[in-house]
Protein backbone atom coordinates (compact mmCIF):
# COMPACT_ATOMS: atom_id res chain seq x y z
CA MET A 1 208.01 36.21 -100.90
CA ASP A 2 208.97 36.26 -97.24
CA ARG A 3 209.47 39.98 -97.64
CA PHE A 4 205.96 40.36 -99.04
CA ILE A 5 204.39 38.30 -96.28
CA GLN A 6 205.63 40.89 -93.80
CA THR A 7 204.21 43.81 -95.81
CA ARG A 8 201.58 45.77 -93.96
CA ARG A 9 199.35 48.70 -94.75
CA ASP A 10 199.36 51.86 -92.68
CA ASP A 11 196.72 50.30 -90.42
CA MET A 12 199.24 47.49 -89.72
CA GLU A 13 197.05 44.83 -91.35
CA LEU A 14 198.82 42.34 -93.61
CA VAL A 15 198.45 42.91 -97.34
CA TRP A 16 196.62 40.22 -99.31
CA LEU A 17 196.95 39.37 -102.98
CA TYR A 18 193.89 38.46 -105.03
CA ASP A 19 193.39 36.24 -108.04
CA SER A 20 190.42 38.12 -109.44
CA HIS A 21 189.27 35.36 -111.82
CA ILE A 22 189.94 31.64 -111.56
CA HIS A 23 187.87 28.46 -111.99
CA LEU A 24 188.88 26.54 -108.88
CA SER A 25 185.74 24.41 -109.13
CA ASP A 26 186.96 23.04 -112.47
CA PRO A 27 187.64 19.26 -112.38
CA GLU A 28 191.28 19.98 -113.26
CA TYR A 29 191.90 21.05 -109.66
CA ALA A 30 189.92 18.32 -107.90
CA PRO A 31 192.84 15.90 -107.32
CA TYR A 32 194.95 18.56 -105.58
CA ILE A 33 192.55 21.29 -104.45
CA GLY A 34 193.76 20.86 -100.86
CA ASP A 35 197.29 21.72 -101.92
CA VAL A 36 196.02 24.74 -103.87
CA LEU A 37 194.16 26.09 -100.86
CA SER A 38 197.13 25.42 -98.58
CA GLY A 39 199.38 27.32 -100.98
CA MET A 40 196.96 30.23 -101.07
CA LYS A 41 197.07 30.45 -97.30
CA SER A 42 200.87 30.41 -97.25
CA LEU A 43 201.12 33.10 -99.92
CA GLN A 44 198.24 35.20 -98.55
CA ILE A 45 196.15 34.95 -101.68
CA ARG A 46 192.39 35.08 -101.93
CA ALA A 47 190.60 34.07 -105.10
CA CYS A 48 187.43 35.15 -106.85
CA CYS A 49 186.30 31.70 -107.93
CA VAL A 50 184.02 31.99 -110.96
CA SER A 51 181.54 29.46 -112.34
CA MET A 52 180.25 28.27 -115.71
CA ASP A 53 176.70 27.09 -115.03
CA ALA A 54 174.34 26.03 -112.24
CA ALA A 55 176.25 22.82 -111.47
CA SER A 56 179.66 24.48 -111.22
CA SER A 57 178.08 27.35 -109.26
CA LEU A 58 177.02 24.85 -106.60
CA GLU A 59 180.53 23.39 -106.60
CA THR A 60 181.97 26.88 -106.18
CA VAL A 61 179.69 27.57 -103.23
CA SER A 62 180.75 24.25 -101.67
CA LEU A 63 184.40 25.15 -102.12
CA ALA A 64 183.83 28.51 -100.42
CA GLU A 65 182.30 26.67 -97.48
CA GLN A 66 185.58 24.77 -97.13
CA SER A 67 187.81 27.85 -97.22
CA ASP A 68 187.26 31.55 -96.57
CA LEU A 69 190.04 32.23 -99.07
CA VAL A 70 187.56 31.38 -101.84
CA LEU A 71 185.20 34.20 -102.81
CA PRO A 72 182.34 32.51 -104.69
CA PHE A 73 181.11 33.98 -107.98
CA VAL A 74 178.20 32.20 -109.65
CA GLY A 75 176.96 32.69 -113.18
CA VAL A 76 176.32 31.40 -116.68
CA HIS A 77 179.26 31.48 -119.09
CA PRO A 78 178.24 32.22 -122.71
CA GLU A 79 179.31 28.67 -123.61
CA CYS A 80 176.52 27.43 -121.31
CA ALA A 81 173.92 30.07 -122.17
CA LYS A 82 171.55 27.46 -123.62
CA GLU A 83 170.73 26.32 -120.07
CA GLY A 84 169.32 29.77 -119.28
CA ALA A 85 169.64 31.82 -116.11
CA ASP A 86 167.03 30.20 -113.87
CA GLY A 87 169.30 27.53 -112.41
CA VAL A 88 171.94 29.99 -111.29
CA ALA A 89 169.24 32.39 -110.04
CA GLY A 90 168.09 29.55 -107.81
CA VAL A 91 171.61 29.01 -106.47
CA ILE A 92 171.79 32.69 -105.59
CA GLU A 93 168.48 32.58 -103.75
CA GLU A 94 169.55 29.54 -101.72
CA HIS A 95 173.06 30.81 -100.86
CA PRO A 96 173.04 34.40 -99.58
CA GLY A 97 176.81 34.50 -99.09
CA ILE A 98 177.65 34.90 -102.78
CA SER A 99 180.54 37.33 -103.42
CA GLY A 100 179.73 38.13 -107.05
CA ILE A 101 178.24 37.12 -110.39
CA GLY A 102 180.41 35.49 -113.03
CA GLU A 103 181.61 34.33 -115.37
CA ILE A 104 179.00 35.96 -117.60
CA GLY A 105 179.16 37.64 -120.98
CA ILE A 106 178.97 37.19 -124.74
CA ASP A 107 181.11 35.12 -127.11
CA PRO A 108 180.17 34.50 -130.76
CA SER A 109 182.41 31.42 -130.75
CA PHE A 110 179.67 29.60 -128.82
CA ALA A 111 176.73 30.69 -130.97
CA SER A 112 175.87 28.74 -134.12
CA ASP A 113 173.07 31.05 -135.26
CA ASP A 114 171.34 34.34 -134.54
CA GLY A 115 168.96 32.71 -132.08
CA GLU A 116 171.81 31.45 -129.91
CA SER A 117 173.49 34.86 -130.09
CA LYS A 118 170.32 36.52 -128.84
CA GLY A 119 170.05 33.87 -126.14
CA GLN A 120 173.52 34.75 -124.88
CA VAL A 121 172.57 38.41 -124.66
CA GLN A 122 169.37 37.60 -122.79
CA VAL A 123 171.19 35.45 -120.23
CA PHE A 124 173.93 38.07 -119.85
CA GLU A 125 171.38 40.83 -119.24
CA SER A 126 169.48 38.64 -116.77
CA MET A 127 172.65 38.04 -114.79
CA LEU A 128 173.47 41.76 -114.84
CA GLU A 129 170.00 42.58 -113.55
CA ILE A 130 170.43 40.20 -110.62
CA ALA A 131 173.87 41.60 -109.83
CA GLU A 132 172.68 45.20 -109.91
CA ARG A 133 169.65 44.42 -107.76
CA MET A 134 171.82 42.63 -105.18
CA ASN A 135 174.71 45.10 -105.41
CA LEU A 136 177.15 42.36 -106.39
CA PRO A 137 180.20 42.76 -108.66
CA VAL A 138 180.30 40.97 -112.02
CA SER A 139 183.15 39.23 -113.83
CA ILE A 140 182.65 39.49 -117.60
CA HIS A 141 183.76 37.37 -120.55
CA SER A 142 184.10 39.60 -123.63
CA ARG A 143 186.17 37.61 -126.10
CA ARG A 144 185.42 38.76 -129.67
CA SER A 145 182.50 40.78 -128.29
CA LEU A 146 184.03 43.68 -126.39
CA ASP A 147 182.21 46.46 -128.25
CA ALA A 148 178.87 44.70 -127.82
CA VAL A 149 179.56 44.14 -124.12
CA LEU A 150 180.54 47.78 -123.64
CA ASP A 151 177.34 48.90 -125.36
CA ILE A 152 175.27 46.81 -122.94
CA MET A 153 177.27 48.03 -119.96
CA THR A 154 176.38 51.66 -120.66
CA SER A 155 173.06 51.03 -118.90
CA TYR A 156 174.57 49.07 -116.01
CA GLY A 157 175.13 50.83 -112.71
CA GLY A 158 177.15 48.27 -110.77
CA ARG A 159 180.78 47.24 -110.36
CA ALA A 160 182.17 45.22 -113.25
CA LEU A 161 185.40 43.55 -114.32
CA LEU A 162 186.34 42.91 -117.94
CA HIS A 163 188.41 39.85 -117.18
CA TRP A 164 191.42 38.96 -119.34
CA PHE A 165 191.22 42.31 -121.10
CA ASP A 166 192.11 41.85 -124.76
CA GLY A 167 190.89 45.03 -126.36
CA ASN A 168 192.70 47.81 -128.19
CA LYS A 169 193.69 51.22 -126.86
CA LYS A 170 190.41 52.83 -127.94
CA GLN A 171 188.37 50.14 -126.21
CA LEU A 172 190.51 50.44 -123.10
CA ARG A 173 189.93 54.18 -123.03
CA ARG A 174 186.19 53.63 -123.32
CA ALA A 175 186.25 51.06 -120.49
CA MET A 176 188.13 53.50 -118.27
CA GLU A 177 185.66 56.29 -119.05
CA MET A 178 182.87 53.91 -117.98
CA GLY A 179 184.61 53.15 -114.70
CA LEU A 180 185.10 49.45 -115.42
CA PHE A 181 187.87 47.33 -113.93
CA VAL A 182 190.16 45.31 -116.22
CA SER A 183 192.42 42.43 -115.32
CA TYR A 184 195.71 41.10 -116.62
CA GLY A 185 197.13 37.62 -116.20
CA PRO A 186 200.35 35.64 -116.55
CA VAL A 187 200.50 36.38 -120.29
CA ALA A 188 201.44 39.97 -119.40
CA ILE A 189 204.79 38.68 -118.16
CA TYR A 190 205.91 37.83 -121.69
CA ALA A 191 203.50 39.66 -124.06
CA ASN A 192 204.45 43.19 -125.08
CA ASP A 193 200.92 44.11 -126.20
CA LYS A 194 199.48 43.26 -122.77
CA GLN A 195 202.23 45.23 -121.07
CA ALA A 196 201.44 48.23 -123.25
CA LEU A 197 197.74 48.03 -122.34
CA LEU A 198 198.51 47.68 -118.63
CA SER A 199 200.72 50.78 -118.77
CA ARG A 200 197.77 52.76 -120.19
CA THR A 201 195.21 51.51 -117.69
CA ASP A 202 193.96 53.77 -114.89
CA LYS A 203 195.94 52.52 -111.90
CA SER A 204 192.80 52.38 -109.75
CA LYS A 205 191.13 49.97 -112.20
CA ILE A 206 193.84 47.31 -112.55
CA LEU A 207 193.28 43.79 -111.20
CA VAL A 208 195.30 40.60 -111.72
CA GLU A 209 194.09 37.08 -112.45
CA THR A 210 195.11 33.65 -113.70
CA ASP A 211 191.90 32.36 -115.34
CA GLY A 212 193.08 28.90 -114.31
CA PRO A 213 192.97 26.17 -115.41
CA VAL A 214 194.04 27.96 -118.61
CA ARG A 215 197.61 26.89 -119.33
CA PHE A 216 200.49 29.31 -119.87
CA SER A 217 203.70 28.86 -121.82
CA ARG A 218 207.20 30.26 -121.42
CA CYS A 219 208.23 30.40 -117.77
CA PHE A 220 205.03 28.58 -116.71
CA GLU A 221 205.86 25.49 -118.78
CA SER A 222 202.27 25.06 -120.05
CA LYS A 223 201.02 24.27 -116.54
CA PRO A 224 197.42 25.07 -115.52
CA GLY A 225 197.03 28.52 -114.00
CA GLN A 226 197.43 28.52 -110.22
CA PRO A 227 196.91 31.25 -107.63
CA SER A 228 200.62 30.80 -106.89
CA PHE A 229 201.31 32.50 -110.26
CA ILE A 230 199.85 35.76 -108.93
CA PRO A 231 203.01 37.09 -107.20
CA SER A 232 204.82 36.85 -110.56
CA VAL A 233 202.07 38.85 -112.24
CA VAL A 234 202.21 41.44 -109.46
CA PHE A 235 205.98 41.74 -109.90
CA CYS A 236 205.53 42.24 -113.65
CA ALA A 237 202.91 44.94 -113.01
CA SER A 238 205.22 46.67 -110.54
CA GLN A 239 207.92 46.93 -113.19
CA ILE A 240 205.50 48.37 -115.75
CA LEU A 241 203.98 50.84 -113.27
CA GLY A 242 207.35 51.93 -111.87
CA LYS A 243 206.42 50.90 -108.33
CA THR A 244 207.89 48.53 -105.78
CA PHE A 245 206.35 45.09 -105.35
CA GLU A 246 204.94 46.16 -101.99
CA GLU A 247 203.40 49.35 -103.40
CA THR A 248 201.82 47.40 -106.23
CA ALA A 249 200.50 44.73 -103.87
CA CYS A 250 198.82 47.42 -101.76
CA LEU A 251 197.39 49.09 -104.88
CA LEU A 252 195.94 45.84 -106.19
CA GLU A 253 194.49 44.94 -102.81
CA GLU A 254 192.78 48.33 -102.65
CA ASN A 255 191.48 47.93 -106.21
CA THR A 256 190.11 44.45 -105.58
CA VAL A 257 188.45 45.48 -102.35
CA SER A 258 186.81 48.34 -104.26
CA PHE A 259 185.63 45.93 -106.96
CA LEU A 260 184.22 43.53 -104.37
CA GLY A 261 182.28 46.25 -102.63
CA GLY A 262 184.52 48.02 -100.17
CA ALA A 263 184.87 45.48 -97.38
CA ARG A 264 188.03 43.49 -96.75
CA VAL A 265 187.10 39.87 -96.32
């Protein structure tokens, strides 16, 4: 890691790693959030901190006010779609420094009937409309709904990330043709299917994430996802892509900056 900390781009600026999708405002982190932020600073990691609803969106914004390493994303997760989009829309109006919209999307697991399914779609489309109007990137939940999400995204003109990509090769090819970003997390370190997908992903569209506080097995000992896991994911990606750690770190920084809108923060 010391070697990475000294890595610089051609313009002599230090390279930063990014956790492109993590729930740092989740109560899991509250007892030790100071340590998490301190570790991020030491490891040169910034995090796109996503939200679930209006309440967690406010907590995310508050966290970003404490640390410029936190890039606040606000949104309505499909699990919370019953609350509608108005609350989060209000948060966006009151806090102009939002970095993106998320976590938003569709998930049939959280819909008990057709009405709730339609409600998820309506909230998702409302969030997409806000993001496109404000030129903000979106972080999308597409579990068990990837084809439906891709169909909706055909009419979307902004920057979008399919977080925790779990599709098949055909769906990946379609996502790449649409210019969408996809992200891979700690599971890629020990899951052959994720490694195969990563190897087939357009290099300019790859991001990495933890989706903490999701817990990971094997080498992570079922601990909640932490930004400090990101260097391990980057190393795994470097092996799959046939690049050095430093080359991969630079690639992922460039990709994340592109996703966020082209300005290093």
